Amino acid sequence: MLRITRVEESPGVATLKVEGRIAADWAGVLQEEVRRALGEKGAVVLDFAEVRFVDRQGVEMLRQMREAKIRIVNCPPLIEELLAEAEAG
């Protein structure tokens, strides 16, 4: 299960609170929400304080998002490590 909530709006940035698991089809749901928010605001911050699991597909999608300058904040250490490994190689 994945829950995505807009928690803060500023003129040029949408902050999305992400909770649960980013796996399989849920990765696509998150990607679509980010695209929508980017279209509306131009910048997106993802708050990962409540993310508990990310599968391989989710890691790849998040790696691509970070390359596109989507900020991820409050990322749990294990998920941060998975993202760093994916970015390294």
N, C-alpha and C. Protein backbone atom coordinates (compact mmCIF):
# COMPACT_ATOMS: atom_id res chain seq x y z
N MET A 1 0.84 -1.19 0.00
CA MET A 1 0.00 0.00 0.00
C MET A 1 0.88 1.24 0.00
N LEU A 2 0.45 2.23 -0.72
CA LEU A 2 1.16 3.49 -0.80
C LEU A 2 0.16 4.64 -0.64
N ARG A 3 0.54 5.61 0.17
CA ARG A 3 -0.29 6.80 0.36
C ARG A 3 0.56 8.01 0.00
N ILE A 4 0.01 8.89 -0.82
CA ILE A 4 0.70 10.11 -1.23
C ILE A 4 -0.21 11.29 -0.89
N THR A 5 0.31 12.22 -0.10
CA THR A 5 -0.48 13.36 0.35
C THR A 5 0.30 14.63 0.09
N ARG A 6 -0.36 15.63 -0.49
CA ARG A 6 0.27 16.95 -0.60
C ARG A 6 0.18 17.61 0.76
N VAL A 7 1.34 17.95 1.30
CA VAL A 7 1.35 18.48 2.66
C VAL A 7 1.71 19.95 2.73
N GLU A 8 2.38 20.46 1.72
CA GLU A 8 2.82 21.84 1.78
C GLU A 8 2.87 22.39 0.37
N GLU A 9 2.37 23.56 0.23
CA GLU A 9 2.40 24.21 -1.07
C GLU A 9 3.09 25.56 -0.93
N SER A 10 3.99 25.83 -1.80
CA SER A 10 4.56 27.17 -1.91
C SER A 10 4.46 27.55 -3.37
N PRO A 11 4.72 28.78 -3.73
CA PRO A 11 4.47 29.20 -5.11
C PRO A 11 5.10 28.32 -6.18
N GLY A 12 6.30 27.81 -5.97
CA GLY A 12 6.94 27.02 -7.02
C GLY A 12 7.27 25.60 -6.65
N VAL A 13 6.83 25.13 -5.46
CA VAL A 13 7.22 23.80 -5.00
C VAL A 13 6.03 23.07 -4.38
N ALA A 14 5.86 21.81 -4.78
CA ALA A 14 4.87 20.93 -4.15
C ALA A 14 5.61 19.92 -3.30
N THR A 15 5.19 19.75 -2.05
CA THR A 15 5.77 18.74 -1.18
C THR A 15 4.77 17.60 -1.04
N LEU A 16 5.23 16.39 -1.36
CA LEU A 16 4.39 15.20 -1.27
C LEU A 16 4.91 14.31 -0.15
N LYS A 17 4.04 14.00 0.80
CA LYS A 17 4.38 13.05 1.86
C LYS A 17 4.05 11.66 1.34
N VAL A 18 5.05 10.78 1.35
CA VAL A 18 4.90 9.43 0.83
C VAL A 18 4.97 8.46 2.01
N GLU A 19 3.98 7.56 2.09
CA GLU A 19 3.91 6.60 3.19
C GLU A 19 3.71 5.20 2.64
N GLY A 20 4.40 4.23 3.24
CA GLY A 20 4.17 2.83 2.88
C GLY A 20 5.28 2.23 2.05
N ARG A 21 4.88 1.48 1.03
CA ARG A 21 5.80 0.69 0.22
C ARG A 21 5.78 1.16 -1.23
N ILE A 22 6.98 1.38 -1.78
CA ILE A 22 7.09 1.74 -3.19
C ILE A 22 7.55 0.48 -3.92
N ALA A 23 6.58 -0.25 -4.44
CA ALA A 23 6.87 -1.53 -5.08
C ALA A 23 5.95 -1.72 -6.27
N ALA A 24 6.46 -2.39 -7.30
CA ALA A 24 5.69 -2.77 -8.48
C ALA A 24 4.84 -1.62 -9.01
N ASP A 25 3.53 -1.81 -9.09
CA ASP A 25 2.63 -0.81 -9.67
C ASP A 25 2.62 0.50 -8.88
N TRP A 26 2.92 0.44 -7.59
CA TRP A 26 2.89 1.66 -6.78
C TRP A 26 3.97 2.64 -7.22
N ALA A 27 5.08 2.13 -7.76
CA ALA A 27 6.13 3.02 -8.27
C ALA A 27 5.56 3.89 -9.39
N GLY A 28 4.76 3.31 -10.27
CA GLY A 28 4.13 4.06 -11.34
C GLY A 28 3.15 5.09 -10.84
N VAL A 29 2.43 4.77 -9.77
CA VAL A 29 1.48 5.71 -9.17
C VAL A 29 2.24 6.93 -8.63
N LEU A 30 3.35 6.67 -7.93
CA LEU A 30 4.15 7.78 -7.41
C LEU A 30 4.72 8.61 -8.56
N GLN A 31 5.21 7.96 -9.57
CA GLN A 31 5.77 8.67 -10.71
C GLN A 31 4.72 9.59 -11.36
N GLU A 32 3.51 9.10 -11.49
CA GLU A 32 2.44 9.91 -12.08
C GLU A 32 2.10 11.12 -11.19
N GLU A 33 2.05 10.92 -9.89
CA GLU A 33 1.77 12.03 -8.97
C GLU A 33 2.87 13.09 -9.03
N VAL A 34 4.12 12.64 -9.15
CA VAL A 34 5.23 13.58 -9.26
C VAL A 34 5.12 14.37 -10.56
N ARG A 35 4.81 13.68 -11.66
CA ARG A 35 4.64 14.38 -12.95
C ARG A 35 3.54 15.44 -12.86
N ARG A 36 2.44 15.08 -12.24
CA ARG A 36 1.32 16.01 -12.10
C ARG A 36 1.75 17.23 -11.27
N ALA A 37 2.42 16.99 -10.16
CA ALA A 37 2.86 18.09 -9.29
C ALA A 37 3.89 18.96 -10.00
N LEU A 38 4.79 18.34 -10.76
CA LEU A 38 5.77 19.12 -11.52
C LEU A 38 5.09 20.03 -12.53
N GLY A 39 4.08 19.51 -13.20
CA GLY A 39 3.35 20.30 -14.17
C GLY A 39 2.66 21.50 -13.55
N GLU A 40 2.21 21.33 -12.31
CA GLU A 40 1.50 22.41 -11.63
C GLU A 40 2.43 23.41 -10.97
N LYS A 41 3.52 22.92 -10.37
CA LYS A 41 4.37 23.78 -9.55
C LYS A 41 5.77 24.00 -10.11
N GLY A 42 6.30 23.06 -10.87
CA GLY A 42 7.64 23.21 -11.43
C GLY A 42 8.74 22.56 -10.61
N ALA A 43 8.48 22.27 -9.33
CA ALA A 43 9.46 21.59 -8.47
C ALA A 43 8.70 20.73 -7.47
N VAL A 44 9.35 19.61 -7.08
CA VAL A 44 8.71 18.68 -6.15
C VAL A 44 9.72 18.23 -5.10
N VAL A 45 9.24 18.16 -3.86
CA VAL A 45 9.99 17.58 -2.75
C VAL A 45 9.19 16.38 -2.26
N LEU A 46 9.85 15.25 -2.10
CA LEU A 46 9.22 14.04 -1.57
C LEU A 46 9.67 13.83 -0.14
N ASP A 47 8.73 13.74 0.78
CA ASP A 47 9.03 13.47 2.19
C ASP A 47 8.87 11.98 2.42
N PHE A 48 9.99 11.29 2.67
CA PHE A 48 10.01 9.84 2.80
C PHE A 48 10.07 9.36 4.25
N ALA A 49 9.72 10.19 5.20
CA ALA A 49 9.83 9.80 6.62
C ALA A 49 9.05 8.53 6.92
N GLU A 50 7.96 8.27 6.20
CA GLU A 50 7.11 7.12 6.48
C GLU A 50 7.21 6.02 5.42
N VAL A 51 8.22 6.07 4.57
CA VAL A 51 8.42 5.00 3.58
C VAL A 51 9.14 3.85 4.26
N ARG A 52 8.61 2.64 4.10
CA ARG A 52 9.16 1.47 4.78
C ARG A 52 9.86 0.47 3.87
N PHE A 53 9.61 0.54 2.56
CA PHE A 53 10.18 -0.44 1.64
C PHE A 53 10.19 0.14 0.23
N VAL A 54 11.25 -0.15 -0.50
CA VAL A 54 11.33 0.21 -1.92
C VAL A 54 11.92 -0.99 -2.64
N ASP A 55 11.21 -1.48 -3.68
CA ASP A 55 11.75 -2.60 -4.45
C ASP A 55 12.69 -2.09 -5.54
N ARG A 56 13.23 -3.01 -6.32
CA ARG A 56 14.21 -2.67 -7.35
C ARG A 56 13.65 -1.67 -8.36
N GLN A 57 12.43 -1.89 -8.80
CA GLN A 57 11.79 -0.99 -9.75
C GLN A 57 11.63 0.40 -9.14
N GLY A 58 11.26 0.46 -7.88
CA GLY A 58 11.12 1.73 -7.20
C GLY A 58 12.44 2.46 -7.04
N VAL A 59 13.50 1.72 -6.74
CA VAL A 59 14.82 2.33 -6.61
C VAL A 59 15.24 2.96 -7.93
N GLU A 60 15.04 2.26 -9.03
CA GLU A 60 15.40 2.80 -10.34
C GLU A 60 14.60 4.06 -10.66
N MET A 61 13.31 4.03 -10.39
CA MET A 61 12.48 5.21 -10.64
C MET A 61 12.95 6.39 -9.78
N LEU A 62 13.26 6.14 -8.51
CA LEU A 62 13.72 7.21 -7.63
C LEU A 62 15.07 7.74 -8.05
N ARG A 63 15.94 6.88 -8.54
CA ARG A 63 17.24 7.32 -9.04
C ARG A 63 17.03 8.30 -10.19
N GLN A 64 16.14 7.97 -11.09
CA GLN A 64 15.85 8.85 -12.22
C GLN A 64 15.24 10.17 -11.74
N MET A 65 14.40 10.11 -10.74
CA MET A 65 13.80 11.33 -10.21
C MET A 65 14.87 12.24 -9.62
N ARG A 66 15.81 11.65 -8.89
CA ARG A 66 16.87 12.47 -8.29
C ARG A 66 17.74 13.09 -9.37
N GLU A 67 17.97 12.39 -10.46
CA GLU A 67 18.72 12.97 -11.58
C GLU A 67 17.96 14.15 -12.17
N ALA A 68 16.62 14.10 -12.10
CA ALA A 68 15.78 15.18 -12.62
C ALA A 68 15.58 16.27 -11.57
N LYS A 69 16.35 16.22 -10.50
CA LYS A 69 16.34 17.24 -9.44
C LYS A 69 15.10 17.22 -8.56
N ILE A 70 14.43 16.08 -8.48
CA ILE A 70 13.36 15.91 -7.50
C ILE A 70 14.06 15.67 -6.16
N ARG A 71 13.75 16.47 -5.15
CA ARG A 71 14.40 16.32 -3.84
C ARG A 71 13.66 15.28 -3.01
N ILE A 72 14.43 14.45 -2.33
CA ILE A 72 13.88 13.48 -1.39
C ILE A 72 14.43 13.84 -0.02
N VAL A 73 13.52 14.08 0.93
CA VAL A 73 13.92 14.46 2.29
C VAL A 73 13.42 13.40 3.28
N ASN A 74 14.05 13.37 4.45
CA ASN A 74 13.67 12.45 5.53
C ASN A 74 13.69 10.99 5.07
N CYS A 75 14.67 10.67 4.25
CA CYS A 75 14.78 9.32 3.70
C CYS A 75 15.40 8.38 4.75
N PRO A 76 14.76 7.24 5.05
CA PRO A 76 15.35 6.29 5.98
C PRO A 76 16.73 5.84 5.49
N PRO A 77 17.66 5.58 6.40
CA PRO A 77 19.03 5.24 6.02
C PRO A 77 19.15 4.06 5.04
N LEU A 78 18.39 3.01 5.24
CA LEU A 78 18.50 1.85 4.34
C LEU A 78 18.08 2.22 2.92
N ILE A 79 17.03 2.99 2.78
CA ILE A 79 16.57 3.40 1.44
C ILE A 79 17.57 4.36 0.83
N GLU A 80 18.14 5.26 1.62
CA GLU A 80 19.17 6.16 1.13
C GLU A 80 20.37 5.37 0.62
N GLU A 81 20.73 4.32 1.32
CA GLU A 81 21.85 3.47 0.90
C GLU A 81 21.55 2.77 -0.43
N LEU A 82 20.32 2.27 -0.59
CA LEU A 82 19.94 1.64 -1.85
C LEU A 82 20.02 2.63 -3.01
N LEU A 83 19.57 3.85 -2.78
CA LEU A 83 19.63 4.89 -3.82
C LEU A 83 21.08 5.25 -4.15
N ALA A 84 21.91 5.34 -3.13
CA ALA A 84 23.33 5.67 -3.37
C ALA A 84 24.01 4.57 -4.17
N GLU A 85 23.70 3.31 -3.88
CA GLU A 85 24.28 2.19 -4.64
C GLU A 85 23.82 2.24 -6.08
N ALA A 86 22.54 2.55 -6.31
CA ALA A 86 22.02 2.61 -7.67
C ALA A 86 22.66 3.75 -8.45
N GLU A 87 22.90 4.86 -7.79
CA GLU A 87 23.52 6.01 -8.45
C GLU A 87 24.99 5.77 -8.75
N ALA A 88 25.64 4.94 -7.92
CA ALA A 88 27.06 4.66 -8.10
C ALA A 88 27.33 3.69 -9.24
N GLY A 89 26.34 2.92 -9.55
CA GLY A 89 26.69 2.05 -10.62
C GLY A 89 25.83 1.01 -11.04
